[in-house]
PDB file of N, CA and C in Angstrom:
ATOM      1  N   MET A   1     127.379 145.899 139.597  1.00  0.00           N
ATOM      2  CA  MET A   1     126.010 146.269 139.269  1.00  0.00           C
ATOM      3  C   MET A   1     125.139 146.112 140.505  1.00  0.00           C
ATOM      4  N   PHE A   2     124.264 147.063 140.686  1.00  0.00           N
ATOM      5  CA  PHE A   2     123.324 147.035 141.792  1.00  0.00           C
ATOM      6  C   PHE A   2     121.910 147.146 141.246  1.00  0.00           C
ATOM      7  N   ARG A   3     121.021 146.579 141.959  1.00  0.00           N
ATOM      8  CA  ARG A   3     119.603 146.814 141.696  1.00  0.00           C
ATOM      9  C   ARG A   3     119.095 147.647 142.859  1.00  0.00           C
ATOM     10  N   VAL A   4     118.489 148.760 142.548  1.00  0.00           N
ATOM     11  CA  VAL A   4     118.046 149.687 143.587  1.00  0.00           C
ATOM     12  C   VAL A   4     116.550 149.904 143.445  1.00  0.00           C
ATOM     13  N   ALA A   5     115.871 149.865 144.561  1.00  0.00           N
ATOM     14  CA  ALA A   5     114.442 150.169 144.597  1.00  0.00           C
ATOM     15  C   ALA A   5     114.218 151.223 145.674  1.00  0.00           C
ATOM     16  N   TRP A   6     113.336 152.140 145.378  1.00  0.00           N
ATOM     17  CA  TRP A   6     113.008 153.194 146.329  1.00  0.00           C
ATOM     18  C   TRP A   6     111.593 152.945 146.823  1.00  0.00           C
ATOM     19  N   ALA A   7     111.411 153.031 148.124  1.00  0.00           N
ATOM     20  CA  ALA A   7     110.095 152.827 148.729  1.00  0.00           C
ATOM     21  C   ALA A   7     109.733 154.066 149.555  1.00  0.00           C
ATOM     22  N   PRO A   8     108.510 154.563 149.396  1.00  0.00           N
ATOM     23  CA  PRO A   8     108.115 155.749 150.178  1.00  0.00           C
ATOM     24  C   PRO A   8     107.864 155.361 151.639  1.00  0.00           C
ATOM     25  N   THR A   9     108.158 156.280 152.539  1.00  0.00           N
ATOM     26  CA  THR A   9     107.886 156.074 153.964  1.00  0.00           C
ATOM     27  C   THR A   9     106.833 157.087 154.412  1.00  0.00           C
ATOM     28  N   GLU A  10     106.291 156.881 155.567  1.00  0.00           N
ATOM     29  CA  GLU A  10     105.184 157.695 156.069  1.00  0.00           C
ATOM     30  C   GLU A  10     105.495 159.188 156.189  1.00  0.00           C
ATOM     31  N   PRO A  11     106.557 159.605 156.845  1.00  0.00           N
ATOM     32  CA  PRO A  11     106.745 161.062 156.987  1.00  0.00           C
ATOM     33  C   PRO A  11     107.352 161.712 155.740  1.00  0.00           C
ATOM     34  N   ALA A  12     106.839 161.380 154.567  1.00  0.00           N
ATOM     35  CA  ALA A  12     107.243 161.991 153.296  1.00  0.00           C
ATOM     36  C   ALA A  12     108.723 161.795 152.984  1.00  0.00           C
ATOM     37  N   GLY A  13     109.219 160.639 153.276  1.00  0.00           N
ATOM     38  CA  GLY A  13     110.608 160.338 152.963  1.00  0.00           C
ATOM     39  C   GLY A  13     110.693 159.125 152.033  1.00  0.00           C
ATOM     40  N   TRP A  14     111.905 158.752 151.714  1.00  0.00           N
ATOM     41  CA  TRP A  14     112.134 157.601 150.846  1.00  0.00           C
ATOM     42  C   TRP A  14     113.130 156.669 151.497  1.00  0.00           C
ATOM     43  N   TRP A  15     112.949 155.404 151.275  1.00  0.00           N
ATOM     44  CA  TRP A  15     113.840 154.393 151.821  1.00  0.00           C
ATOM     45  C   TRP A  15     114.468 153.666 150.650  1.00  0.00           C
ATOM     46  N   ARG A  16     115.771 153.568 150.636  1.00  0.00           N
ATOM     47  CA  ARG A  16     116.474 152.952 149.511  1.00  0.00           C
ATOM     48  C   ARG A  16     116.785 151.490 149.854  1.00  0.00           C
ATOM     49  N   LEU A  17     116.403 150.604 148.938  1.00  0.00           N
ATOM     50  CA  LEU A  17     116.708 149.183 149.069  1.00  0.00           C
ATOM     51  C   LEU A  17     117.645 148.823 147.922  1.00  0.00           C
ATOM     52  N   ALA A  18     118.742 148.180 148.227  1.00  0.00           N
ATOM     53  CA  ALA A  18     119.699 147.830 147.175  1.00  0.00           C
ATOM     54  C   ALA A  18     120.136 146.387 147.353  1.00  0.00           C
ATOM     55  N   SER A  19     120.396 145.747 146.237  1.00  0.00           N
ATOM     56  CA  SER A  19     120.937 144.389 146.285  1.00  0.00           C
ATOM     57  C   SER A  19     121.991 144.264 145.200  1.00  0.00           C
ATOM     58  N   MET A  20     122.893 143.358 145.395  1.00  0.00           N
ATOM     59  CA  MET A  20     123.976 143.169 144.449  1.00  0.00           C
ATOM     60  C   MET A  20     123.920 141.733 143.916  1.00  0.00           C
ATOM     61  N   PRO A  21     123.356 141.558 142.719  1.00  0.00           N
ATOM     62  CA  PRO A  21     123.334 140.206 142.154  1.00  0.00           C
ATOM     63  C   PRO A  21     124.730 139.829 141.664  1.00  0.00           C
ATOM     64  N   ARG A  22     125.140 138.637 141.986  1.00  0.00           N
ATOM     65  CA  ARG A  22     126.501 138.244 141.597  1.00  0.00           C
ATOM     66  C   ARG A  22     126.507 137.499 140.267  1.00  0.00           C
ATOM     67  N   GLY A  23     125.936 136.342 140.218  1.00  0.00           N
ATOM     68  CA  GLY A  23     125.982 135.560 138.992  1.00  0.00           C
ATOM     69  C   GLY A  23     124.748 135.723 138.134  1.00  0.00           C
ATOM     70  N   ARG A  24     123.782 136.444 138.609  1.00  0.00           N
ATOM     71  CA  ARG A  24     122.515 136.561 137.887  1.00  0.00           C
ATOM     72  C   ARG A  24     122.632 137.392 136.616  1.00  0.00           C
ATOM     73  N   CYS A  25     123.517 138.345 136.575  1.00  0.00           N
ATOM     74  CA  CYS A  25     123.674 139.167 135.375  1.00  0.00           C
ATOM     75  C   CYS A  25     124.152 138.314 134.209  1.00  0.00           C
ATOM     76  N   VAL A  26     125.067 137.429 134.472  1.00  0.00           N
ATOM     77  CA  VAL A  26     125.585 136.557 133.420  1.00  0.00           C
ATOM     78  C   VAL A  26     124.516 135.555 133.004  1.00  0.00           C
ATOM     79  N   SER A  27     123.805 134.985 133.969  1.00  0.00           N
ATOM     80  CA  SER A  27     122.799 133.980 133.625  1.00  0.00           C
ATOM     81  C   SER A  27     121.604 134.605 132.911  1.00  0.00           C
ATOM     82  N   SER A  28     121.232 135.844 133.253  1.00  0.00           N
ATOM     83  CA  SER A  28     120.127 136.477 132.537  1.00  0.00           C
ATOM     84  C   SER A  28     120.536 136.813 131.108  1.00  0.00           C
ATOM     85  N   SER A  29     121.798 137.172 130.896  1.00  0.00           N
ATOM     86  CA  SER A  29     122.280 137.419 129.539  1.00  0.00           C
ATOM     87  C   SER A  29     122.280 136.125 128.733  1.00  0.00           C
ATOM     88  N   ALA A  30     122.697 135.046 129.338  1.00  0.00           N
ATOM     89  CA  ALA A  30     122.682 133.745 128.655  1.00  0.00           C
ATOM     90  C   ALA A  30     121.250 133.310 128.370  1.00  0.00           C
ATOM     91  N   ALA A  31     120.341 133.601 129.287  1.00  0.00           N
ATOM     92  CA  ALA A  31     118.937 133.251 129.074  1.00  0.00           C
ATOM     93  C   ALA A  31     118.342 134.051 127.918  1.00  0.00           C
ATOM     94  N   ARG A  32     118.715 135.301 127.793  1.00  0.00           N
ATOM     95  CA  ARG A  32     118.236 136.105 126.666  1.00  0.00           C
ATOM     96  C   ARG A  32     118.698 135.527 125.337  1.00  0.00           C
ATOM     97  N   TRP A  33     119.965 135.121 125.275  1.00  0.00           N
ATOM     98  CA  TRP A  33     120.477 134.521 124.044  1.00  0.00           C
ATOM     99  C   TRP A  33     119.769 133.205 123.746  1.00  0.00           C
ATOM    100  N   ALA A  34     119.543 132.408 124.777  1.00  0.00           N
ATOM    101  CA  ALA A  34     118.862 131.122 124.578  1.00  0.00           C
ATOM    102  C   ALA A  34     117.436 131.338 124.075  1.00  0.00           C
ATOM    103  N   ILE A  35     116.751 132.314 124.645  1.00  0.00           N
ATOM    104  CA  ILE A  35     115.383 132.605 124.206  1.00  0.00           C
ATOM    105  C   ILE A  35     115.383 133.131 122.775  1.00  0.00           C
ATOM    106  N   ALA A  36     116.334 133.986 122.434  1.00  0.00           N
ATOM    107  CA  ALA A  36     116.415 134.520 121.072  1.00  0.00           C
ATOM    108  C   ALA A  36     116.700 133.406 120.063  1.00  0.00           C
ATOM    109  N   LEU A  37     117.606 132.506 120.390  1.00  0.00           N
ATOM    110  CA  LEU A  37     117.913 131.393 119.487  1.00  0.00           C
ATOM    111  C   LEU A  37     116.725 130.445 119.356  1.00  0.00           C
ATOM    112  N   LEU A  38     116.043 130.184 120.455  1.00  0.00           N
ATOM    113  CA  LEU A  38     114.866 129.324 120.415  1.00  0.00           C
ATOM    114  C   LEU A  38     113.756 129.963 119.578  1.00  0.00           C
ATOM    115  N   ALA A  39     113.561 131.259 119.724  1.00  0.00           N
ATOM    116  CA  ALA A  39     112.544 131.957 118.930  1.00  0.00           C
ATOM    117  C   ALA A  39     112.901 131.932 117.447  1.00  0.00           C
ATOM    118  N   ALA A  40     114.172 132.114 117.119  1.00  0.00           N
ATOM    119  CA  ALA A  40     114.595 132.072 115.718  1.00  0.00           C
ATOM    120  C   ALA A  40     114.400 130.676 115.131  1.00  0.00           C
ATOM    121  N   ALA A  41     114.727 129.646 115.903  1.00  0.00           N
ATOM    122  CA  ALA A  41     114.539 128.276 115.428  1.00  0.00           C
ATOM    123  C   ALA A  41     113.060 127.969 115.234  1.00  0.00           C
ATOM    124  N   LEU A  42     112.228 128.398 116.161  1.00  0.00           N
ATOM    125  CA  LEU A  42     110.789 128.172 116.052  1.00  0.00           C
ATOM    126  C   LEU A  42     110.221 128.903 114.836  1.00  0.00           C
ATOM    127  N   LEU A  43     110.661 130.113 114.599  1.00  0.00           N
ATOM    128  CA  LEU A  43     110.218 130.876 113.434  1.00  0.00           C
ATOM    129  C   LEU A  43     110.637 130.180 112.135  1.00  0.00           C
ATOM    130  N   ALA A  44     111.847 129.639 112.104  1.00  0.00           N
ATOM    131  CA  ALA A  44     112.312 128.930 110.910  1.00  0.00           C
ATOM    132  C   ALA A  44     111.484 127.666 110.663  1.00  0.00           C
ATOM    133  N   VAL A  45     111.185 126.915 111.715  1.00  0.00           N
ATOM    134  CA  VAL A  45     110.388 125.693 111.566  1.00  0.00           C
ATOM    135  C   VAL A  45     108.973 126.028 111.109  1.00  0.00           C
ATOM    136  N   LEU A  46     108.370 127.040 111.692  1.00  0.00           N
ATOM    137  CA  LEU A  46     107.021 127.431 111.286  1.00  0.00           C
ATOM    138  C   LEU A  46     106.989 127.962 109.855  1.00  0.00           C
ATOM    139  N   GLY A  47     107.996 128.720 109.471  1.00  0.00           N
ATOM    140  CA  GLY A  47     108.074 129.223 108.105  1.00  0.00           C
ATOM    141  C   GLY A  47     108.218 128.094 107.093  1.00  0.00           C
ATOM    142  N   PHE A  48     109.069 127.117 107.396  1.00  0.00           N
ATOM    143  CA  PHE A  48     109.244 125.979 106.497  1.00  0.00           C
ATOM    144  C   PHE A  48     107.962 125.160 106.404  1.00  0.00           C
ATOM    145  N   GLY A  49     107.285 124.972 107.537  1.00  0.00           N
ATOM    146  CA  GLY A  49     106.013 124.242 107.523  1.00  0.00           C
ATOM    147  C   GLY A  49     104.950 124.948 106.691  1.00  0.00           C
ATOM    148  N   ALA A  50     104.861 126.252 106.825  1.00  0.00           N
ATOM    149  CA  ALA A  50     103.874 127.012 106.044  1.00  0.00           C
ATOM    150  C   ALA A  50     104.195 126.944 104.559  1.00  0.00           C
ATOM    151  N   TRP A  51     105.487 127.041 104.216  1.00  0.00           N
ATOM    152  CA  TRP A  51     105.901 126.961 102.815  1.00  0.00           C
ATOM    153  C   TRP A  51     105.566 125.589 102.231  1.00  0.00           C
ATOM    154  N   THR A  52     105.806 124.525 102.988  1.00  0.00           N
ATOM    155  CA  THR A  52     105.514 123.166 102.525  1.00  0.00           C
ATOM    156  C   THR A  52     104.023 122.953 102.343  1.00  0.00           C
ATOM    157  N   ILE A  53     103.224 123.379 103.301  1.00  0.00           N
ATOM    158  CA  ILE A  53     101.776 123.172 103.233  1.00  0.00           C
ATOM    159  C   ILE A  53     101.168 123.951 102.074  1.00  0.00           C
ATOM    160  N   THR A  54     101.570 125.197 101.889  1.00  0.00           N
ATOM    161  CA  THR A  54     101.006 125.962 100.776  1.00  0.00           C
ATOM    162  C   THR A  54     101.468 125.420  99.428  1.00  0.00           C
ATOM    163  N   GLY A  55     102.686 124.900  99.372  1.00  0.00           N
ATOM    164  CA  GLY A  55     103.164 124.284  98.136  1.00  0.00           C
ATOM    165  C   GLY A  55     102.346 123.059  97.766  1.00  0.00           C
ATOM    166  N   ARG A  56     102.035 122.241  98.750  1.00  0.00           N
ATOM    167  CA  ARG A  56     101.208 121.053  98.487  1.00  0.00           C
ATOM    168  C   ARG A  56      99.779 121.424  98.143  1.00  0.00           C
ATOM    169  N   ALA A  57      99.281 122.467  98.762  1.00  0.00           N
ATOM    170  CA  ALA A  57      97.893 122.870  98.519  1.00  0.00           C
ATOM    171  C   ALA A  57      97.709 123.420  97.109  1.00  0.00           C
ATOM    172  N   THR A  58      98.709 124.075  96.577  1.00  0.00           N
ATOM    173  CA  THR A  58      98.575 124.674  95.245  1.00  0.00           C
ATOM    174  C   THR A  58      99.213 123.838  94.140  1.00  0.00           C
ATOM    175  N   GLN A  59      99.717 122.673  94.476  1.00  0.00           N
ATOM    176  CA  GLN A  59     100.376 121.811  93.491  1.00  0.00           C
ATOM    177  C   GLN A  59      99.415 121.399  92.370  1.00  0.00           C
ATOM    178  N   GLU A  60      98.203 121.025  92.720  1.00  0.00           N
ATOM    179  CA  GLU A  60      97.227 120.594  91.717  1.00  0.00           C
ATOM    180  C   GLU A  60      96.823 121.746  90.801  1.00  0.00           C
ATOM    181  N   LEU A  61      96.676 122.932  91.374  1.00  0.00           N
ATOM    182  CA  LEU A  61      96.334 124.096  90.551  1.00  0.00           C
ATOM    183  C   LEU A  61      97.474 124.458  89.600  1.00  0.00           C
ATOM    184  N   ALA A  62      98.694 124.302  90.035  1.00  0.00           N
ATOM    185  CA  ALA A  62      99.839 124.568  89.161  1.00  0.00           C
ATOM    186  C   ALA A  62      99.872 123.557  88.013  1.00  0.00           C
ATOM    187  N   ARG A  63      99.541 122.305  88.305  1.00  0.00           N
ATOM    188  CA  ARG A  63      99.501 121.286  87.259  1.00  0.00           C
ATOM    189  C   ARG A  63      98.440 121.638  86.223  1.00  0.00           C
ATOM    190  N   LEU A  64      97.263 122.071  86.695  1.00  0.00           N
ATOM    191  CA  LEU A  64      96.202 122.462  85.762  1.00  0.00           C
ATOM    192  C   LEU A  64      96.611 123.667  84.927  1.00  0.00           C
ATOM    193  N   ALA A  65      97.264 124.633  85.529  1.00  0.00           N
ATOM    194  CA  ALA A  65      97.703 125.822  84.786  1.00  0.00           C
ATOM    195  C   ALA A  65      98.709 125.441  83.709  1.00  0.00           C
ATOM    196  N   ASP A  66      99.621 124.525  84.030  1.00  0.00           N
ATOM    197  CA  ASP A  66     100.584 124.066  83.027  1.00  0.00           C
ATOM    198  C   ASP A  66      99.888 123.329  81.883  1.00  0.00           C
ATOM    199  N   GLU A  67      98.886 122.535  82.224  1.00  0.00           N
ATOM    200  CA  GLU A  67      98.164 121.792  81.196  1.00  0.00           C
ATOM    201  C   GLU A  67      97.345 122.728  80.307  1.00  0.00           C
ATOM    202  N   VAL A  68      96.735 123.747  80.900  1.00  0.00           N
ATOM    203  CA  VAL A  68      95.963 124.727  80.126  1.00  0.00           C
ATOM    204  C   VAL A  68      96.885 125.502  79.196  1.00  0.00           C
ATOM    205  N   ALA A  69      98.096 125.786  79.631  1.00  0.00           N
ATOM    206  CA  ALA A  69      99.042 126.540  78.807  1.00  0.00           C
ATOM    207  C   ALA A  69      99.445 125.770  77.548  1.00  0.00           C
ATOM    208  N   THR A  70      99.335 124.438  77.559  1.00  0.00           N
ATOM    209  CA  THR A  70      99.726 123.641  76.393  1.00  0.00           C
ATOM    210  C   THR A  70      98.613 123.539  75.357  1.00  0.00           C
ATOM    211  N   ILE A  71      97.386 123.910  75.726  1.00  0.00           N
ATOM    212  CA  ILE A  71      96.275 123.835  74.778  1.00  0.00           C
ATOM    213  C   ILE A  71      96.370 125.014  73.809  1.00  0.00           C
ATOM    214  N   GLU A  72      96.313 124.713  72.528  1.00  0.00           N
ATOM    215  CA  GLU A  72      96.410 125.753  71.513  1.00  0.00           C
ATOM    216  C   GLU A  72      95.045 126.034  70.912  1.00  0.00           C
ATOM    217  N   ALA A  73      94.943 127.111  70.173  1.00  0.00           N
ATOM    218  CA  ALA A  73      93.662 127.524  69.593  1.00  0.00           C
ATOM    219  C   ALA A  73      93.126 126.479  68.616  1.00  0.00           C
ATOM    220  N   GLY A  74      93.982 125.731  67.938  1.00  0.00           N
ATOM    221  CA  GLY A  74      93.534 124.743  66.968  1.00  0.00           C
ATOM    222  C   GLY A  74      93.068 123.440  67.598  1.00  0.00           C
ATOM    223  N   SER A  75      93.352 123.232  68.873  1.00  0.00           N
ATOM    224  CA  SER A  75      92.984 121.961  69.514  1.00  0.00           C
ATOM    225  C   SER A  75      92.099 122.195  70.732  1.00  0.00           C
ATOM    226  N   LEU A  76      91.016 122.919  70.538  1.00  0.00           N
ATOM    227  CA  LEU A  76      90.125 123.245  71.658  1.00  0.00           C
ATOM    228  C   LEU A  76      89.282 122.059  72.104  1.00  0.00           C
ATOM    229  N   GLU A  77      89.247 120.975  71.325  1.00  0.00           N
ATOM    230  CA  GLU A  77      88.477 119.806  71.748  1.00  0.00           C
ATOM    231  C   GLU A  77      89.222 119.012  72.820  1.00  0.00           C
ATOM    232  N   ARG A  78      90.459 119.320  73.022  1.00  0.00           N
ATOM    233  CA  ARG A  78      91.249 118.626  74.051  1.00  0.00           C
ATOM    234  C   ARG A  78      90.741 119.001  75.440  1.00  0.00           C
ATOM    235  N   ARG A  79      90.628 118.018  76.313  1.00  0.00           N
ATOM    236  CA  ARG A  79      90.117 118.241  77.665  1.00  0.00           C
ATOM    237  C   ARG A  79      91.237 118.042  78.691  1.00  0.00           C
ATOM    238  N   LEU A  80      91.035 118.666  79.815  1.00  0.00           N
ATOM    239  CA  LEU A  80      91.989 118.509  80.912  1.00  0.00           C
ATOM    240  C   LEU A  80      91.769 117.175  81.588  1.00  0.00           C
ATOM    241  N   SER A  81      92.868 116.590  82.070  1.00  0.00           N
ATOM    242  CA  SER A  81      92.728 115.354  82.838  1.00  0.00           C
ATOM    243  C   SER A  81      92.169 115.706  84.215  1.00  0.00           C
ATOM    244  N   VAL A  82      91.228 114.916  84.660  1.00  0.00           N
ATOM    245  CA  VAL A  82      90.501 115.219  85.895  1.00  0.00           C
ATOM    246  C   VAL A  82      91.132 114.487  87.064  1.00  0.00           C
ATOM    247  N   ARG A  83      91.339 115.195  88.126  1.00  0.00           N
ATOM    248  CA  ARG A  83      91.714 114.611  89.412  1.00  0.00           C
ATOM    249  C   ARG A  83      90.765 115.192  90.440  1.00  0.00           C
ATOM    250  N   ARG A  84      90.289 114.373  91.302  1.00  0.00           N
ATOM    251  CA  ARG A  84      89.306 114.825  92.281  1.00  0.00           C
ATOM    252  C   ARG A  84      89.996 115.400  93.520  1.00  0.00           C
ATOM    253  N   THR A  85      90.095 116.707  93.563  1.00  0.00           N
ATOM    254  CA  THR A  85      90.600 117.405  94.746  1.00  0.00           C
ATOM    255  C   THR A  85      89.671 118.582  95.036  1.00  0.00           C
ATOM    256  N   ASP A  86      89.735 119.098  96.224  1.00  0.00           N
ATOM    257  CA  ASP A  86      88.878 120.228  96.607  1.00  0.00           C
ATOM    258  C   ASP A  86      89.153 121.458  95.749  1.00  0.00           C
ATOM    259  N   GLU A  87      90.426 121.702  95.444  1.00  0.00           N
ATOM    260  CA  GLU A  87      90.762 122.874  94.641  1.00  0.00           C
ATOM    261  C   GLU A  87      90.148 122.777  93.256  1.00  0.00           C
ATOM    262  N   VAL A  88      90.252 121.598  92.641  1.00  0.00           N
ATOM    263  CA  VAL A  88      89.721 121.408  91.290  1.00  0.00           C
ATOM    264  C   VAL A  88      88.199 121.416  91.323  1.00  0.00           C
ATOM    265  N   ASP A  89      87.586 120.827  92.325  1.00  0.00           N
ATOM    266  CA  ASP A  89      86.125 120.853  92.432  1.00  0.00           C
ATOM    267  C   ASP A  89      85.596 122.279  92.510  1.00  0.00           C
ATOM    268  N   ARG A  90      86.289 123.150  93.209  1.00  0.00           N
ATOM    269  CA  ARG A  90      85.855 124.554  93.294  1.00  0.00           C
ATOM    270  C   ARG A  90      85.938 125.226  91.936  1.00  0.00           C
ATOM    271  N   LEU A  91      86.975 124.937  91.163  1.00  0.00           N
ATOM    272  CA  LEU A  91      87.084 125.526  89.829  1.00  0.00           C
ATOM    273  C   LEU A  91      86.024 124.979  88.879  1.00  0.00           C
ATOM    274  N   TRP A  92      85.714 123.676  88.996  1.00  0.00           N
ATOM    275  CA  TRP A  92      84.723 123.057  88.123  1.00  0.00           C
ATOM    276  C   TRP A  92      83.335 123.614  88.391  1.00  0.00           C
ATOM    277  N   SER A  93      83.021 123.903  89.661  1.00  0.00           N
ATOM    278  CA  SER A  93      81.679 124.369  89.983  1.00  0.00           C
ATOM    279  C   SER A  93      81.512 125.866  89.690  1.00  0.00           C
ATOM    280  N   SER A  94      82.582 126.574  89.438  1.00  0.00           N
ATOM    281  CA  SER A  94      82.487 128.026  89.191  1.00  0.00           C
ATOM    282  C   SER A  94      81.977 128.313  87.807  1.00  0.00           C
TER     283      SER A  94
END
């Protein structure tokens, strides 16, 4: 494998520059694989973190939805148990 570069010269000609990398082709291929694996690992960690954070953020709302589902038409005097969280405060003030 050669790397070739062409450079223009003054009297409307071209000058060819060539180099022959020996071990760089293998190391650049290994670097590409390392970068791809690192990017995949980073994406997996970020995805798991986002899934965990959103699960915790909506946990209280899921609990309230389950509790509301158990209330029947004959027992409307029953109240939800209150926990002070930002999500519940927003629903209470609405």
